[in-house]
Amino acid sequence: MIDAEKILKEEQMYFAKEIICNIPCHIGYVKRFRWRWMATQLNTFVFIAEVNGTMTQLMMRSFARACYDYAIHNNKGWPRGLQSGVGAIAILVGDEITQDGAAYCMADPSAHFSAFEVPVAYLKKYKQPVHFRGTQIWGAIYYPYFSEIIRRICGKLAASQSQESMPPPLPSADQGQQ
């Protein structure tokens, strides 16, 4: 079991714990203003949830959309528009993913007015994220930021996983010969 709350607290973005798509989910939130984003404010929500088994396209699509809806509903501060946006990075952790599920995560994310829906599947078995790696024209200034958040969070997921799943120590050669 991953400790998503700990990871989000380390990132200084822990916000809440909710049930989204009938899955317990930890949510991070951070508000950033950057001049290089053409003087805009971005309110980013990061969702981390874990499921057993194989993730499907329907599961990824439903989870990403529900996370996006949560982010829009819970967005505070400036209203969405030309100088303010909302990002919803939905990280679903599972053992494996179907091909159509992976294709969905790697496709251009859904475009919304001043808002971004970014689905990410994290494969525990391979310690690997599956997500869009390009840059959309709509919102291109934000995608390096989203990619950096995904890289950091998934790196921490992998690090925490390797600590959890260490095999027991093998007996030394001396012990085996006695």
N, C-alpha and C. Protein backbone atom coordinates (compact mmCIF):
# COMPACT_ATOMS: atom_id res chain seq x y z
N MET A 1 0.85 -1.18 0.00
CA MET A 1 0.00 0.00 0.00
C MET A 1 0.89 1.25 0.00
N ILE A 2 0.61 2.16 -0.89
CA ILE A 2 1.39 3.40 -0.97
C ILE A 2 0.95 4.38 0.11
N ASP A 3 1.86 5.23 0.51
CA ASP A 3 1.53 6.26 1.50
C ASP A 3 1.43 7.61 0.77
N ALA A 4 0.32 7.79 0.07
CA ALA A 4 0.12 9.00 -0.75
C ALA A 4 0.09 10.25 0.11
N GLU A 5 -0.48 10.16 1.29
CA GLU A 5 -0.54 11.34 2.17
C GLU A 5 0.86 11.82 2.50
N LYS A 6 1.75 10.90 2.82
CA LYS A 6 3.14 11.26 3.15
C LYS A 6 3.82 11.93 1.94
N ILE A 7 3.62 11.36 0.77
CA ILE A 7 4.24 11.91 -0.44
C ILE A 7 3.74 13.33 -0.70
N LEU A 8 2.45 13.55 -0.59
CA LEU A 8 1.90 14.89 -0.83
C LEU A 8 2.36 15.88 0.24
N LYS A 9 2.49 15.42 1.47
CA LYS A 9 3.00 16.31 2.53
C LYS A 9 4.46 16.67 2.26
N GLU A 10 5.26 15.71 1.78
CA GLU A 10 6.65 16.01 1.43
C GLU A 10 6.72 17.05 0.32
N GLU A 11 5.76 17.02 -0.57
CA GLU A 11 5.69 18.00 -1.66
C GLU A 11 5.05 19.32 -1.20
N GLN A 12 4.66 19.38 0.06
CA GLN A 12 4.01 20.55 0.67
C GLN A 12 2.74 20.93 -0.08
N MET A 13 1.95 19.89 -0.39
CA MET A 13 0.71 20.16 -1.10
C MET A 13 -0.47 19.33 -0.59
N TYR A 14 -0.34 18.68 0.57
CA TYR A 14 -1.45 17.85 1.04
C TYR A 14 -2.67 18.72 1.32
N PHE A 15 -3.82 18.26 0.88
CA PHE A 15 -5.04 19.06 0.97
C PHE A 15 -6.17 18.30 1.67
N ALA A 16 -6.46 17.08 1.21
CA ALA A 16 -7.63 16.37 1.76
C ALA A 16 -7.60 14.90 1.40
N LYS A 17 -8.51 14.17 2.02
CA LYS A 17 -8.76 12.78 1.67
C LYS A 17 -10.24 12.68 1.33
N GLU A 18 -10.54 12.13 0.17
CA GLU A 18 -11.92 12.03 -0.31
C GLU A 18 -12.12 10.67 -0.97
N ILE A 19 -13.38 10.36 -1.23
CA ILE A 19 -13.73 9.18 -2.03
C ILE A 19 -14.10 9.71 -3.41
N ILE A 20 -13.36 9.28 -4.42
CA ILE A 20 -13.62 9.70 -5.80
C ILE A 20 -13.77 8.43 -6.64
N CYS A 21 -14.88 8.31 -7.33
CA CYS A 21 -15.20 7.10 -8.10
C CYS A 21 -15.17 5.85 -7.21
N ASN A 22 -15.65 6.00 -6.00
CA ASN A 22 -15.67 4.91 -5.01
C ASN A 22 -14.28 4.40 -4.64
N ILE A 23 -13.27 5.24 -4.80
CA ILE A 23 -11.88 4.88 -4.46
C ILE A 23 -11.37 5.90 -3.44
N PRO A 24 -10.83 5.44 -2.30
CA PRO A 24 -10.20 6.39 -1.37
C PRO A 24 -9.04 7.11 -2.08
N CYS A 25 -9.01 8.41 -1.94
CA CYS A 25 -8.08 9.23 -2.71
C CYS A 25 -7.47 10.31 -1.83
N HIS A 26 -6.17 10.53 -1.97
CA HIS A 26 -5.49 11.64 -1.30
C HIS A 26 -5.32 12.75 -2.34
N ILE A 27 -5.54 13.97 -1.88
CA ILE A 27 -5.53 15.11 -2.80
C ILE A 27 -4.53 16.15 -2.32
N GLY A 28 -3.71 16.59 -3.26
CA GLY A 28 -2.79 17.68 -3.00
C GLY A 28 -3.26 18.92 -3.75
N TYR A 29 -2.88 20.08 -3.26
CA TYR A 29 -3.27 21.34 -3.90
C TYR A 29 -2.13 22.33 -3.76
N VAL A 30 -1.85 23.02 -4.84
CA VAL A 30 -0.85 24.08 -4.80
C VAL A 30 -1.27 25.19 -5.77
N LYS A 31 -1.07 26.42 -5.33
CA LYS A 31 -1.39 27.59 -6.15
C LYS A 31 -0.06 28.24 -6.53
N ARG A 32 0.15 28.46 -7.82
CA ARG A 32 1.38 29.08 -8.30
C ARG A 32 1.06 30.22 -9.26
N PHE A 33 1.86 31.27 -9.17
CA PHE A 33 1.80 32.39 -10.10
C PHE A 33 3.18 32.51 -10.71
N ARG A 34 3.26 32.54 -12.03
CA ARG A 34 4.56 32.66 -12.69
C ARG A 34 4.46 33.67 -13.83
N TRP A 35 5.46 34.51 -13.91
CA TRP A 35 5.51 35.47 -15.01
C TRP A 35 5.68 34.75 -16.33
N ARG A 36 6.44 33.66 -16.35
CA ARG A 36 6.68 32.95 -17.62
C ARG A 36 5.41 32.24 -18.12
N TRP A 37 4.41 32.16 -17.27
CA TRP A 37 3.10 31.66 -17.70
C TRP A 37 2.23 32.82 -18.16
N MET A 38 2.86 33.85 -18.67
CA MET A 38 2.16 35.05 -19.12
C MET A 38 1.37 35.67 -17.99
N ALA A 39 2.01 35.71 -16.81
CA ALA A 39 1.44 36.32 -15.60
C ALA A 39 0.11 35.70 -15.21
N THR A 40 0.07 34.37 -15.25
CA THR A 40 -1.17 33.69 -14.84
C THR A 40 -0.95 32.92 -13.54
N GLN A 41 -2.06 32.66 -12.90
CA GLN A 41 -2.08 31.84 -11.68
C GLN A 41 -2.64 30.47 -12.06
N LEU A 42 -1.98 29.41 -11.59
CA LEU A 42 -2.45 28.06 -11.85
C LEU A 42 -2.72 27.37 -10.52
N ASN A 43 -3.93 26.91 -10.34
CA ASN A 43 -4.33 26.15 -9.16
C ASN A 43 -4.29 24.67 -9.55
N THR A 44 -3.32 23.94 -9.00
CA THR A 44 -3.12 22.55 -9.40
C THR A 44 -3.56 21.61 -8.29
N PHE A 45 -4.41 20.68 -8.65
CA PHE A 45 -4.84 19.61 -7.75
C PHE A 45 -4.17 18.32 -8.22
N VAL A 46 -3.58 17.58 -7.28
CA VAL A 46 -2.96 16.29 -7.58
C VAL A 46 -3.71 15.23 -6.79
N PHE A 47 -4.23 14.24 -7.49
CA PHE A 47 -5.01 13.17 -6.89
C PHE A 47 -4.21 11.88 -6.98
N ILE A 48 -4.13 11.14 -5.86
CA ILE A 48 -3.45 9.84 -5.87
C ILE A 48 -4.39 8.83 -5.24
N ALA A 49 -4.70 7.79 -6.01
CA ALA A 49 -5.55 6.70 -5.51
C ALA A 49 -4.96 5.38 -5.97
N GLU A 50 -5.24 4.33 -5.22
CA GLU A 50 -4.69 3.01 -5.53
C GLU A 50 -5.81 2.01 -5.70
N VAL A 51 -5.69 1.19 -6.75
CA VAL A 51 -6.66 0.13 -7.00
C VAL A 51 -5.92 -1.20 -7.11
N ASN A 52 -6.64 -2.27 -6.86
CA ASN A 52 -6.08 -3.61 -7.05
C ASN A 52 -6.34 -4.06 -8.48
N GLY A 53 -5.39 -4.75 -9.05
CA GLY A 53 -5.61 -5.33 -10.37
C GLY A 53 -5.24 -4.42 -11.51
N THR A 54 -5.88 -4.69 -12.64
CA THR A 54 -5.57 -4.02 -13.90
C THR A 54 -6.46 -2.79 -14.11
N MET A 55 -5.84 -1.70 -14.51
CA MET A 55 -6.58 -0.47 -14.81
C MET A 55 -7.05 -0.51 -16.26
N THR A 56 -8.27 -0.06 -16.51
CA THR A 56 -8.84 -0.06 -17.85
C THR A 56 -9.04 1.37 -18.33
N GLN A 57 -9.37 1.50 -19.62
CA GLN A 57 -9.63 2.83 -20.17
C GLN A 57 -10.83 3.47 -19.47
N LEU A 58 -11.88 2.72 -19.27
CA LEU A 58 -13.07 3.26 -18.61
C LEU A 58 -12.73 3.73 -17.20
N MET A 59 -11.94 2.94 -16.48
CA MET A 59 -11.54 3.30 -15.12
C MET A 59 -10.73 4.59 -15.13
N MET A 60 -9.75 4.68 -16.04
CA MET A 60 -8.89 5.87 -16.12
C MET A 60 -9.71 7.10 -16.52
N ARG A 61 -10.57 6.93 -17.51
CA ARG A 61 -11.38 8.06 -18.00
C ARG A 61 -12.32 8.56 -16.90
N SER A 62 -12.98 7.64 -16.21
CA SER A 62 -13.93 8.01 -15.14
C SER A 62 -13.20 8.69 -13.99
N PHE A 63 -12.05 8.13 -13.59
CA PHE A 63 -11.29 8.70 -12.48
C PHE A 63 -10.78 10.10 -12.84
N ALA A 64 -10.19 10.24 -14.03
CA ALA A 64 -9.66 11.55 -14.45
C ALA A 64 -10.77 12.59 -14.52
N ARG A 65 -11.92 12.22 -15.05
CA ARG A 65 -13.03 13.17 -15.17
C ARG A 65 -13.57 13.57 -13.79
N ALA A 66 -13.70 12.59 -12.90
CA ALA A 66 -14.19 12.89 -11.55
C ALA A 66 -13.20 13.79 -10.80
N CYS A 67 -11.91 13.56 -11.00
CA CYS A 67 -10.89 14.42 -10.37
C CYS A 67 -10.97 15.84 -10.93
N TYR A 68 -11.14 15.95 -12.24
CA TYR A 68 -11.29 17.26 -12.87
C TYR A 68 -12.52 17.98 -12.29
N ASP A 69 -13.63 17.28 -12.19
CA ASP A 69 -14.85 17.89 -11.64
C ASP A 69 -14.63 18.36 -10.20
N TYR A 70 -13.93 17.55 -9.41
CA TYR A 70 -13.62 17.92 -8.02
C TYR A 70 -12.78 19.20 -7.99
N ALA A 71 -11.76 19.25 -8.86
CA ALA A 71 -10.87 20.43 -8.90
C ALA A 71 -11.65 21.69 -9.28
N ILE A 72 -12.51 21.59 -10.26
CA ILE A 72 -13.31 22.75 -10.68
C ILE A 72 -14.22 23.20 -9.53
N HIS A 73 -14.85 22.25 -8.88
CA HIS A 73 -15.79 22.58 -7.79
C HIS A 73 -15.08 23.16 -6.57
N ASN A 74 -13.85 22.72 -6.29
CA ASN A 74 -13.13 23.15 -5.09
C ASN A 74 -12.08 24.22 -5.36
N ASN A 75 -12.04 24.73 -6.57
CA ASN A 75 -11.09 25.79 -6.91
C ASN A 75 -11.45 27.07 -6.18
N LYS A 76 -10.47 27.67 -5.55
CA LYS A 76 -10.65 28.94 -4.83
C LYS A 76 -9.73 29.99 -5.45
N GLY A 77 -10.02 31.22 -5.21
CA GLY A 77 -9.18 32.29 -5.72
C GLY A 77 -9.78 32.91 -6.97
N TRP A 78 -8.91 33.35 -7.86
CA TRP A 78 -9.37 34.02 -9.06
C TRP A 78 -10.26 33.08 -9.88
N PRO A 79 -11.27 33.62 -10.53
CA PRO A 79 -12.10 32.77 -11.40
C PRO A 79 -11.30 32.31 -12.62
N ARG A 80 -11.64 31.16 -13.15
CA ARG A 80 -10.96 30.66 -14.34
C ARG A 80 -11.15 31.65 -15.48
N GLY A 81 -10.10 31.85 -16.22
CA GLY A 81 -10.17 32.78 -17.35
C GLY A 81 -8.81 32.98 -17.95
N LEU A 82 -8.58 34.14 -18.51
CA LEU A 82 -7.33 34.40 -19.20
C LEU A 82 -6.13 34.46 -18.25
N GLN A 83 -6.30 34.87 -17.02
CA GLN A 83 -5.19 35.00 -16.09
C GLN A 83 -5.19 33.95 -14.98
N SER A 84 -6.06 32.97 -15.07
CA SER A 84 -6.14 31.95 -14.03
C SER A 84 -6.61 30.64 -14.62
N GLY A 85 -5.97 29.54 -14.20
CA GLY A 85 -6.35 28.22 -14.69
C GLY A 85 -6.36 27.20 -13.58
N VAL A 86 -6.91 26.03 -13.88
CA VAL A 86 -6.99 24.92 -12.93
C VAL A 86 -6.41 23.68 -13.60
N GLY A 87 -5.54 22.98 -12.88
CA GLY A 87 -5.00 21.72 -13.36
C GLY A 87 -5.43 20.58 -12.45
N ALA A 88 -5.81 19.46 -13.04
CA ALA A 88 -6.18 18.27 -12.28
C ALA A 88 -5.33 17.11 -12.77
N ILE A 89 -4.33 16.73 -11.98
CA ILE A 89 -3.46 15.60 -12.31
C ILE A 89 -4.00 14.40 -11.54
N ALA A 90 -4.55 13.43 -12.26
CA ALA A 90 -5.20 12.27 -11.65
C ALA A 90 -4.29 11.06 -11.77
N ILE A 91 -3.64 10.67 -10.66
CA ILE A 91 -2.70 9.54 -10.67
C ILE A 91 -3.41 8.33 -10.06
N LEU A 92 -3.65 7.33 -10.90
CA LEU A 92 -4.26 6.09 -10.43
C LEU A 92 -3.17 5.03 -10.40
N VAL A 93 -2.99 4.42 -9.24
CA VAL A 93 -1.93 3.44 -9.02
C VAL A 93 -2.54 2.05 -9.09
N GLY A 94 -1.94 1.18 -9.89
CA GLY A 94 -2.43 -0.19 -10.02
C GLY A 94 -1.32 -1.12 -10.46
N ASP A 95 -1.66 -2.39 -10.58
CA ASP A 95 -0.65 -3.39 -10.96
C ASP A 95 -0.30 -3.32 -12.44
N GLU A 96 -1.33 -3.28 -13.28
CA GLU A 96 -1.13 -3.25 -14.73
C GLU A 96 -2.20 -2.38 -15.36
N ILE A 97 -2.07 -2.16 -16.69
CA ILE A 97 -3.05 -1.37 -17.42
C ILE A 97 -3.31 -2.03 -18.77
N THR A 98 -4.55 -1.96 -19.23
CA THR A 98 -4.87 -2.48 -20.55
C THR A 98 -4.26 -1.57 -21.61
N GLN A 99 -4.15 -2.08 -22.85
CA GLN A 99 -3.57 -1.27 -23.92
C GLN A 99 -4.42 -0.03 -24.20
N ASP A 100 -5.73 -0.19 -24.19
CA ASP A 100 -6.57 0.98 -24.46
C ASP A 100 -6.51 1.97 -23.30
N GLY A 101 -6.30 1.48 -22.09
CA GLY A 101 -6.12 2.37 -20.93
C GLY A 101 -4.83 3.17 -21.06
N ALA A 102 -3.76 2.48 -21.48
CA ALA A 102 -2.48 3.17 -21.68
C ALA A 102 -2.58 4.18 -22.81
N ALA A 103 -3.27 3.80 -23.90
CA ALA A 103 -3.44 4.72 -25.03
C ALA A 103 -4.20 5.97 -24.59
N TYR A 104 -5.21 5.80 -23.74
CA TYR A 104 -5.96 6.95 -23.24
C TYR A 104 -5.05 7.89 -22.44
N CYS A 105 -4.22 7.33 -21.56
CA CYS A 105 -3.33 8.16 -20.74
C CYS A 105 -2.28 8.88 -21.58
N MET A 106 -1.85 8.25 -22.67
CA MET A 106 -0.79 8.82 -23.50
C MET A 106 -1.32 9.77 -24.58
N ALA A 107 -2.62 9.79 -24.79
CA ALA A 107 -3.22 10.67 -25.81
C ALA A 107 -3.26 12.11 -25.30
N ASP A 108 -3.52 13.03 -26.22
CA ASP A 108 -3.69 14.43 -25.82
C ASP A 108 -4.75 14.51 -24.73
N PRO A 109 -4.44 15.14 -23.60
CA PRO A 109 -5.44 15.29 -22.54
C PRO A 109 -6.64 16.11 -23.00
N SER A 110 -7.76 15.88 -22.36
CA SER A 110 -8.99 16.61 -22.69
C SER A 110 -8.78 18.11 -22.49
N ALA A 111 -9.24 18.89 -23.46
CA ALA A 111 -9.12 20.35 -23.38
C ALA A 111 -10.39 20.94 -22.78
N HIS A 112 -10.20 21.87 -21.88
CA HIS A 112 -11.30 22.57 -21.23
C HIS A 112 -10.94 24.05 -21.19
N PHE A 113 -11.91 24.92 -20.97
CA PHE A 113 -11.64 26.34 -20.87
C PHE A 113 -10.83 26.63 -19.60
N SER A 114 -9.60 27.09 -19.77
CA SER A 114 -8.71 27.46 -18.66
C SER A 114 -8.59 26.37 -17.61
N ALA A 115 -8.63 25.11 -18.05
CA ALA A 115 -8.51 23.99 -17.12
C ALA A 115 -7.89 22.80 -17.84
N PHE A 116 -7.20 21.95 -17.07
CA PHE A 116 -6.45 20.84 -17.64
C PHE A 116 -6.76 19.56 -16.87
N GLU A 117 -7.04 18.51 -17.62
CA GLU A 117 -7.35 17.19 -17.07
C GLU A 117 -6.22 16.27 -17.52
N VAL A 118 -5.36 15.84 -16.58
CA VAL A 118 -4.17 15.07 -16.93
C VAL A 118 -4.23 13.69 -16.27
N PRO A 119 -4.62 12.64 -17.02
CA PRO A 119 -4.65 11.30 -16.43
C PRO A 119 -3.26 10.66 -16.42
N VAL A 120 -2.95 9.99 -15.31
CA VAL A 120 -1.68 9.29 -15.17
C VAL A 120 -1.96 7.93 -14.55
N ALA A 121 -1.45 6.87 -15.18
CA ALA A 121 -1.51 5.54 -14.58
C ALA A 121 -0.11 5.23 -14.06
N TYR A 122 -0.02 4.83 -12.80
CA TYR A 122 1.28 4.43 -12.25
C TYR A 122 1.23 2.92 -12.06
N LEU A 123 2.15 2.22 -12.74
CA LEU A 123 2.18 0.76 -12.70
C LEU A 123 3.14 0.30 -11.61
N LYS A 124 2.58 -0.23 -10.53
CA LYS A 124 3.41 -0.69 -9.41
C LYS A 124 4.37 -1.78 -9.85
N LYS A 125 3.89 -2.68 -10.68
CA LYS A 125 4.69 -3.83 -11.11
C LYS A 125 5.99 -3.38 -11.79
N TYR A 126 5.94 -2.29 -12.54
CA TYR A 126 7.10 -1.81 -13.29
C TYR A 126 7.69 -0.52 -12.73
N LYS A 127 7.04 0.04 -11.70
CA LYS A 127 7.45 1.32 -11.12
C LYS A 127 7.56 2.39 -12.22
N GLN A 128 6.51 2.47 -13.02
CA GLN A 128 6.54 3.30 -14.22
C GLN A 128 5.23 4.05 -14.39
N PRO A 129 5.30 5.37 -14.67
CA PRO A 129 4.07 6.10 -14.99
C PRO A 129 3.75 6.00 -16.48
N VAL A 130 2.48 6.05 -16.81
CA VAL A 130 2.02 6.11 -18.19
C VAL A 130 1.21 7.39 -18.30
N HIS A 131 1.69 8.33 -19.13
CA HIS A 131 1.00 9.61 -19.27
C HIS A 131 1.41 10.30 -20.56
N PHE A 132 0.71 11.36 -20.90
CA PHE A 132 1.01 12.17 -22.07
C PHE A 132 2.38 12.81 -21.89
N ARG A 133 3.25 12.67 -22.89
CA ARG A 133 4.61 13.20 -22.77
C ARG A 133 4.89 14.34 -23.73
N GLY A 134 3.91 14.72 -24.49
CA GLY A 134 4.10 15.82 -25.43
C GLY A 134 3.73 17.15 -24.81
N THR A 135 3.52 18.11 -25.67
CA THR A 135 3.07 19.43 -25.23
C THR A 135 1.87 19.81 -26.09
N GLN A 136 0.77 20.04 -25.46
CA GLN A 136 -0.41 20.49 -26.19
C GLN A 136 -0.22 21.94 -26.58
N ILE A 137 -0.79 22.31 -27.69
CA ILE A 137 -0.74 23.72 -28.08
C ILE A 137 -1.56 24.54 -27.08
N TRP A 138 -2.76 24.03 -26.75
CA TRP A 138 -3.62 24.69 -25.76
C TRP A 138 -3.01 24.44 -24.39
N GLY A 139 -2.46 25.44 -23.77
CA GLY A 139 -1.87 25.29 -22.44
C GLY A 139 -0.42 24.85 -22.45
N ALA A 140 0.27 25.04 -23.57
CA ALA A 140 1.65 24.58 -23.71
C ALA A 140 2.58 25.12 -22.62
N ILE A 141 2.30 26.31 -22.11
CA ILE A 141 3.18 26.89 -21.10
C ILE A 141 3.13 26.13 -19.78
N TYR A 142 2.08 25.35 -19.54
CA TYR A 142 1.93 24.65 -18.26
C TYR A 142 2.45 23.21 -18.29
N TYR A 143 2.57 22.59 -19.46
CA TYR A 143 2.90 21.17 -19.50
C TYR A 143 4.27 20.81 -18.94
N PRO A 144 5.29 21.64 -19.08
CA PRO A 144 6.55 21.31 -18.38
C PRO A 144 6.35 21.25 -16.86
N TYR A 145 5.52 22.12 -16.33
CA TYR A 145 5.22 22.14 -14.89
C TYR A 145 4.47 20.87 -14.50
N PHE A 146 3.44 20.49 -15.27
CA PHE A 146 2.72 19.25 -14.98
C PHE A 146 3.65 18.05 -15.05
N SER A 147 4.51 18.00 -16.07
CA SER A 147 5.44 16.88 -16.23
C SER A 147 6.40 16.79 -15.05
N GLU A 148 6.85 17.92 -14.55
CA GLU A 148 7.75 17.94 -13.39
C GLU A 148 7.03 17.41 -12.15
N ILE A 149 5.81 17.81 -11.92
CA ILE A 149 5.04 17.30 -10.78
C ILE A 149 4.88 15.79 -10.90
N ILE A 150 4.51 15.31 -12.08
CA ILE A 150 4.33 13.87 -12.30
C ILE A 150 5.64 13.13 -12.06
N ARG A 151 6.74 13.67 -12.56
CA ARG A 151 8.05 13.03 -12.38
C ARG A 151 8.40 12.92 -10.90
N ARG A 152 8.21 14.01 -10.15
CA ARG A 152 8.55 13.99 -8.72
C ARG A 152 7.65 13.03 -7.94
N ILE A 153 6.35 13.11 -8.15
CA ILE A 153 5.41 12.27 -7.41
C ILE A 153 5.65 10.79 -7.74
N CYS A 154 5.78 10.47 -9.01
CA CYS A 154 5.99 9.06 -9.40
C CYS A 154 7.36 8.56 -8.94
N GLY A 155 8.35 9.43 -8.89
CA GLY A 155 9.65 9.05 -8.33
C GLY A 155 9.52 8.69 -6.87
N LYS A 156 8.73 9.45 -6.14
CA LYS A 156 8.50 9.15 -4.72
C LYS A 156 7.65 7.89 -4.54
N LEU A 157 6.72 7.66 -5.45
CA LEU A 157 5.95 6.41 -5.41
C LEU A 157 6.89 5.22 -5.58
N ALA A 158 7.80 5.31 -6.56
CA ALA A 158 8.75 4.22 -6.80
C ALA A 158 9.68 4.02 -5.61
N ALA A 159 10.17 5.12 -5.04
CA ALA A 159 11.08 5.02 -3.89
C ALA A 159 10.38 4.40 -2.69
N SER A 160 9.16 4.79 -2.44
CA SER A 160 8.44 4.24 -1.28
C SER A 160 8.09 2.78 -1.53
N GLN A 161 7.84 2.44 -2.76
CA GLN A 161 7.51 1.07 -3.12
C GLN A 161 8.71 0.16 -2.94
N SER A 162 9.90 0.62 -3.32
CA SER A 162 11.07 -0.24 -3.19
C SER A 162 11.40 -0.48 -1.73
N GLN A 163 11.09 0.49 -0.86
CA GLN A 163 11.31 0.28 0.57
C GLN A 163 10.31 -0.72 1.12
N GLU A 164 9.09 -0.69 0.62
CA GLU A 164 8.05 -1.59 1.11
C GLU A 164 8.28 -3.02 0.66
N SER A 165 8.74 -3.21 -0.58
CA SER A 165 8.76 -4.54 -1.16
C SER A 165 10.15 -5.16 -1.20
N MET A 166 10.98 -4.83 -0.25
CA MET A 166 12.30 -5.43 -0.20
C MET A 166 12.17 -6.90 0.16
N PRO A 167 12.84 -7.80 -0.59
CA PRO A 167 12.75 -9.22 -0.23
C PRO A 167 13.51 -9.48 1.07
N PRO A 168 13.16 -10.56 1.75
CA PRO A 168 13.88 -10.87 2.99
C PRO A 168 15.34 -11.19 2.66
N PRO A 169 16.25 -10.93 3.61
CA PRO A 169 17.66 -11.21 3.33
C PRO A 169 17.89 -12.71 3.15
N LEU A 170 18.79 -13.03 2.22
CA LEU A 170 19.15 -14.43 2.00
C LEU A 170 20.18 -14.85 3.04
N PRO A 171 20.21 -16.14 3.37
CA PRO A 171 21.25 -16.57 4.32
C PRO A 171 22.62 -16.41 3.68
N SER A 172 23.62 -16.12 4.49
CA SER A 172 24.98 -15.97 3.96
C SER A 172 25.51 -17.34 3.56
N ALA A 173 26.57 -17.35 2.76
CA ALA A 173 27.17 -18.60 2.29
C ALA A 173 27.64 -19.45 3.46
N ASP A 174 28.11 -18.82 4.54
CA ASP A 174 28.59 -19.56 5.71
C ASP A 174 27.45 -20.32 6.38
N GLN A 175 26.29 -19.71 6.47
CA GLN A 175 25.16 -20.34 7.13
C GLN A 175 24.64 -21.53 6.33
N GLY A 176 24.72 -21.47 5.02
CA GLY A 176 24.22 -22.54 4.17
C GLY A 176 25.06 -23.79 4.23
N GLN A 177 26.34 -23.70 4.63
CA GLN A 177 27.23 -24.86 4.63
C GLN A 177 27.27 -25.54 5.98
N GLN A 178 26.62 -25.06 6.98
CA GLN A 178 26.68 -25.67 8.30
C GLN A 178 25.74 -26.81 8.44
